[in-house]
Amino acid sequence: MCPVLDFANHSPNQSNMRPGLNNADIWDVAPVPQIGEGLRFFSKDDIVIEENSEILLTYGCHSNKTLFVEYGFVNQLHNTAMGIHGEVDVRDILEEKFFKDQRQSHMVRDILEKEGYWGDWVIFSTPEYARPSWRLITALRLYNLVSGAEGVEESNIQIWRDVTLGKRERVSDSNEESCRESILYMCEVIISRAQRTLDKMVSCSSVQQSIRTLWMEELLVAQAVRESMRKGDEF
C-alpha cells in the first residue's frame, strides 16, 4: 500500500473516504488476481468528491492515543464551553491503586476475565456528557464489593453478575457511592499528573505538540468527569 496511502490525509470531521471491500473479503469468491484491483475507496452516498479535490481518509474510530502510536499524529482538541471529545485509559491507576493486594487482585481479575470485563477501562467526555465507561464501572463495582472482605459469598457475586446482565440496577447504594468515590480519586490523580507534566513541557516539534495534546486531553477529560461526578450525574 505504501507509498500511495502515505500521501492521504486524515480528517475526523470533514468529508472523507473509506477503503472498499474487494473480492478477497467475500468468503465464497476467489481473490482477484489483477494488480490494484483491490485498492478502491468509497465516499458516503451523500458526499460528492469533486475533480482535483483532496481525498481525505477515515482511519476508523480510534482514540488519540491509538492514532499517535499507530500513525504518528493526533486529532486536535476542540475545547468549547460544552467540552471535548476525548478519553483517558485508566488501567494503570486501577492496577496500581485498586488491584495491588494480591489476594483481592487475583479474585477480582479471575472473575472479570471470566465475565469478559478485564481491561479496556476508560473515562471519556463528549460535548453532551462526561462519564466512566461501562467496563470501568463494572470493574469498580466488583472491586468495591469484595474489597476488605475475608470471604465473598457466591450469592453476592451473583448480585454483581445480575447487574451486568441488566437484571438489577445496582449492587447496593453503598457500593454505588464507593464507585463514585473511586472515580473521583482517579480523576484527581489524572488531573494532578497531567498538570505537572504540562507545566514542564515546551512544545517545539510536531511530535512534542502531539504529546502535549495527549496530556491536555487527559486533563480536560478528567476535569469534565470530576465535575459530572460532583453534580451527581447518573451513569
Protein backbone atom coordinates (compact mmCIF):
# COMPACT_ATOMS: atom_id res chain seq x y z
CA MET A 1 0.00 0.00 0.00
CA CYS A 2 2.94 2.37 0.60
CA PRO A 3 3.83 4.91 -0.58
CA VAL A 4 0.35 5.53 -2.06
CA LEU A 5 -1.57 5.83 1.21
CA ASP A 6 1.24 7.71 2.95
CA PHE A 7 0.13 10.76 0.96
CA ALA A 8 -3.51 10.58 2.02
CA ASN A 9 -4.51 12.97 4.80
CA HIS A 10 -6.83 12.06 7.62
CA SER A 11 -9.80 14.08 8.84
CA PRO A 12 -12.08 13.35 11.80
CA ASN A 13 -14.70 15.89 10.75
CA GLN A 14 -14.57 16.70 7.05
CA SER A 15 -15.90 14.59 4.20
CA ASN A 16 -13.71 11.56 3.80
CA MET A 17 -13.46 8.21 2.08
CA ARG A 18 -13.06 4.67 3.33
CA PRO A 19 -11.39 1.58 1.83
CA GLY A 20 -13.84 -0.63 -0.03
CA LEU A 21 -14.20 -4.41 0.03
CA ASN A 22 -12.62 -6.44 -2.70
CA ASN A 23 -13.45 -9.98 -3.76
CA ALA A 24 -10.92 -11.39 -1.29
CA ASP A 25 -13.17 -10.20 1.51
CA ILE A 26 -16.09 -12.29 0.28
CA TRP A 27 -16.00 -15.84 1.60
CA ASP A 28 -17.23 -17.69 -1.47
CA VAL A 29 -15.29 -15.77 -4.16
CA ALA A 30 -11.64 -16.32 -5.09
CA PRO A 31 -9.26 -13.35 -4.74
CA VAL A 32 -8.91 -11.03 -7.73
CA PRO A 33 -5.51 -11.54 -9.39
CA GLN A 34 -5.28 -8.14 -11.14
CA ILE A 35 -2.78 -5.72 -9.63
CA GLY A 36 -4.51 -2.78 -7.95
CA GLU A 37 -7.98 -4.24 -8.27
CA GLY A 38 -8.48 -4.26 -4.51
CA LEU A 39 -7.32 -0.65 -3.94
CA ARG A 40 -10.71 1.04 -4.11
CA PHE A 41 -12.22 3.79 -1.98
CA PHE A 42 -15.77 4.90 -1.47
CA SER A 43 -17.37 8.04 -0.09
CA LYS A 44 -20.71 8.20 1.69
CA ASP A 45 -23.80 8.35 -0.51
CA ASP A 46 -24.41 11.99 0.37
CA ILE A 47 -20.83 13.10 -0.37
CA VAL A 48 -19.54 14.13 -3.78
CA ILE A 49 -15.79 14.16 -4.42
CA GLU A 50 -15.10 16.85 -6.98
CA GLU A 51 -12.34 16.61 -9.56
CA ASN A 52 -8.98 17.86 -8.24
CA SER A 53 -10.28 17.98 -4.66
CA GLU A 54 -8.22 16.49 -1.83
CA ILE A 55 -9.06 12.95 -0.78
CA LEU A 56 -9.24 12.51 2.97
CA LEU A 57 -9.33 9.05 4.53
CA THR A 58 -11.02 7.83 7.68
CA TYR A 59 -8.69 5.80 9.89
CA GLY A 60 -11.55 4.37 11.91
CA CYS A 61 -12.92 5.19 15.34
CA HIS A 62 -9.71 5.43 17.37
CA SER A 63 -8.61 7.39 20.41
CA ASN A 64 -5.85 9.98 20.05
CA LYS A 65 -3.55 7.64 21.94
CA THR A 66 -4.04 4.91 19.34
CA LEU A 67 -3.69 7.34 16.43
CA PHE A 68 -0.40 8.61 17.85
CA VAL A 69 1.06 5.16 18.48
CA GLU A 70 -0.13 3.59 15.21
CA TYR A 71 0.03 6.52 12.77
CA GLY A 72 2.13 9.26 14.39
CA PHE A 73 -0.47 12.03 14.65
CA VAL A 74 -3.36 13.13 16.85
CA ASN A 75 -6.62 14.96 16.24
CA GLN A 76 -6.54 18.49 17.59
CA LEU A 77 -8.80 19.18 20.54
CA HIS A 78 -11.76 21.49 20.01
CA ASN A 79 -12.42 22.65 23.54
CA THR A 80 -15.68 24.54 23.84
CA ALA A 81 -17.89 25.56 26.73
CA MET A 82 -19.69 22.23 26.21
CA GLY A 83 -16.49 20.17 26.48
CA ILE A 84 -14.45 17.98 24.13
CA HIS A 85 -14.47 14.56 22.55
CA GLY A 86 -11.79 12.59 24.36
CA GLU A 87 -10.93 9.61 26.52
CA VAL A 88 -8.36 8.53 29.09
CA ASP A 89 -7.16 4.99 29.68
CA VAL A 90 -7.11 4.44 33.47
CA ARG A 91 -5.85 0.85 33.63
CA ASP A 92 -2.54 1.89 35.18
CA ILE A 93 -4.32 3.62 38.06
CA LEU A 94 -6.61 0.67 38.72
CA GLU A 95 -3.76 -1.82 38.75
CA GLU A 96 -1.55 0.36 40.95
CA LYS A 97 -4.13 1.58 43.46
CA PHE A 98 -7.08 -0.80 43.46
CA PHE A 99 -5.66 -4.16 42.38
CA LYS A 100 -2.48 -4.07 44.45
CA ASP A 101 -3.48 -6.55 47.16
CA GLN A 102 -2.53 -9.96 45.80
CA ARG A 103 -5.44 -11.95 47.23
CA GLN A 104 -8.10 -9.42 46.25
CA SER A 105 -6.43 -8.78 42.91
CA HIS A 106 -6.47 -12.44 41.91
CA MET A 107 -10.08 -12.82 42.93
CA VAL A 108 -11.23 -9.74 41.03
CA ARG A 109 -9.12 -10.49 37.99
CA ASP A 110 -10.31 -14.09 37.73
CA ILE A 111 -13.96 -13.02 37.83
CA LEU A 112 -13.53 -10.09 35.43
CA GLU A 113 -11.60 -12.20 32.93
CA LYS A 114 -14.19 -14.96 33.09
CA GLU A 115 -17.02 -12.48 32.54
CA GLY A 116 -15.13 -10.55 29.83
CA TYR A 117 -14.61 -7.29 31.72
CA TRP A 118 -10.86 -7.27 32.35
CA GLY A 119 -9.06 -4.28 30.81
CA ASP A 120 -10.10 -1.54 28.39
CA TRP A 121 -11.13 0.80 31.24
CA VAL A 122 -11.56 4.44 30.30
CA ILE A 123 -13.20 7.68 31.30
CA PHE A 124 -14.44 9.81 28.43
CA SER A 125 -16.18 13.03 27.53
CA THR A 126 -18.25 14.43 24.69
CA PRO A 127 -19.81 17.90 24.34
CA GLU A 128 -23.01 16.34 25.74
CA TYR A 129 -21.72 14.43 28.78
CA ALA A 130 -18.68 13.07 30.63
CA ARG A 131 -18.59 9.74 32.46
CA PRO A 132 -16.73 6.49 33.13
CA SER A 133 -17.13 3.66 30.65
CA TRP A 134 -19.42 0.75 31.43
CA ARG A 135 -16.44 -1.60 31.66
CA LEU A 136 -14.80 0.64 34.25
CA ILE A 137 -17.98 0.94 36.31
CA THR A 138 -18.42 -2.84 36.20
CA ALA A 139 -14.85 -3.47 37.40
CA LEU A 140 -15.17 -0.94 40.22
CA ARG A 141 -18.49 -2.39 41.37
CA LEU A 142 -16.87 -5.79 41.73
CA TYR A 143 -13.75 -4.40 43.40
CA ASN A 144 -15.74 -2.45 45.96
CA LEU A 145 -17.93 -5.49 46.57
CA VAL A 146 -15.00 -7.71 47.59
CA SER A 147 -12.63 -5.06 48.98
CA GLY A 148 -11.72 -5.76 52.59
CA ALA A 149 -13.87 -8.87 52.78
CA GLU A 150 -12.39 -12.00 54.30
CA GLY A 151 -14.57 -14.11 52.06
CA VAL A 152 -17.16 -13.35 49.42
CA GLU A 153 -20.33 -15.36 49.11
CA GLU A 154 -21.20 -16.58 45.63
CA SER A 155 -24.64 -15.06 46.15
CA ASN A 156 -23.02 -11.61 46.39
CA ILE A 157 -21.04 -12.21 43.22
CA GLN A 158 -24.29 -13.24 41.55
CA ILE A 159 -25.81 -9.88 42.53
CA TRP A 160 -22.92 -8.16 40.72
CA ARG A 161 -23.38 -10.50 37.76
CA ASP A 162 -27.11 -9.70 37.66
CA VAL A 163 -26.22 -6.01 37.33
CA THR A 164 -24.01 -6.74 34.33
CA LEU A 165 -26.90 -8.67 32.76
CA GLY A 166 -29.40 -5.88 33.35
CA LYS A 167 -31.43 -7.84 35.90
CA ARG A 168 -30.63 -5.35 38.66
CA GLU A 169 -29.91 -1.63 38.56
CA ARG A 170 -27.06 -1.70 41.10
CA VAL A 171 -25.32 -3.89 43.64
CA SER A 172 -26.29 -1.57 46.51
CA ASP A 173 -26.41 2.14 47.29
CA SER A 174 -23.20 1.93 49.32
CA ASN A 175 -21.46 0.06 46.51
CA GLU A 176 -22.51 2.75 44.04
CA GLU A 177 -21.23 5.50 46.34
CA SER A 178 -17.89 3.72 46.69
CA CYS A 179 -17.62 3.51 42.90
CA ARG A 180 -18.19 7.24 42.55
CA GLU A 181 -15.52 7.93 45.16
CA SER A 182 -13.12 5.64 43.26
CA ILE A 183 -13.79 7.53 40.01
CA LEU A 184 -13.26 10.88 41.74
CA TYR A 185 -9.95 9.60 43.09
CA MET A 186 -8.83 8.58 39.59
CA CYS A 187 -9.82 11.97 38.19
CA GLU A 188 -7.73 13.74 40.83
CA VAL A 189 -4.71 11.55 40.02
CA ILE A 190 -5.06 12.23 36.29
CA ILE A 191 -5.54 15.98 36.74
CA SER A 192 -2.54 16.26 39.06
CA ARG A 193 -0.11 14.33 36.85
CA ALA A 194 -1.31 15.96 33.64
CA GLN A 195 -0.97 19.47 35.08
CA ARG A 196 2.53 18.75 36.41
CA THR A 197 3.64 17.39 33.04
CA LEU A 198 2.10 20.24 31.03
CA ASP A 199 3.77 22.82 33.27
CA LYS A 200 7.16 21.31 32.44
CA MET A 201 6.62 20.90 28.70
CA VAL A 202 7.83 23.26 26.00
CA SER A 203 6.21 22.47 22.63
CA CYS A 204 8.57 22.73 19.67
CA SER A 205 8.45 19.84 17.24
CA SER A 206 5.25 18.32 15.87
CA VAL A 207 5.86 15.20 17.97
CA GLN A 208 6.15 17.26 21.15
CA GLN A 209 2.99 19.15 20.23
CA SER A 210 1.17 15.84 19.77
CA ILE A 211 2.35 14.65 23.17
CA ARG A 212 1.20 17.91 24.71
CA THR A 213 -2.22 17.41 23.10
CA LEU A 214 -2.45 13.95 24.65
CA TRP A 215 -1.73 15.33 28.13
CA MET A 216 -4.17 18.20 27.60
CA GLU A 217 -6.83 15.68 26.60
CA GLU A 218 -6.26 13.74 29.83
CA LEU A 219 -6.56 16.95 31.86
CA LEU A 220 -9.76 18.17 30.21
CA VAL A 221 -11.50 14.80 30.22
CA ALA A 222 -10.68 14.17 33.89
CA GLN A 223 -11.91 17.64 34.82
CA ALA A 224 -15.16 17.06 32.94
CA VAL A 225 -15.76 13.66 34.55
CA ARG A 226 -14.93 15.06 38.00
CA GLU A 227 -17.48 17.82 37.51
CA SER A 228 -20.06 15.27 36.38
CA MET A 229 -19.43 13.15 39.49
CA ARG A 230 -19.69 16.17 41.78
CA LYS A 231 -23.00 17.17 40.23
CA GLY A 232 -24.35 13.69 40.84
CA ASP A 233 -24.96 12.87 37.17
CA GLU A 234 -26.17 9.33 36.63
CA PHE A 235 -24.05 6.86 34.70
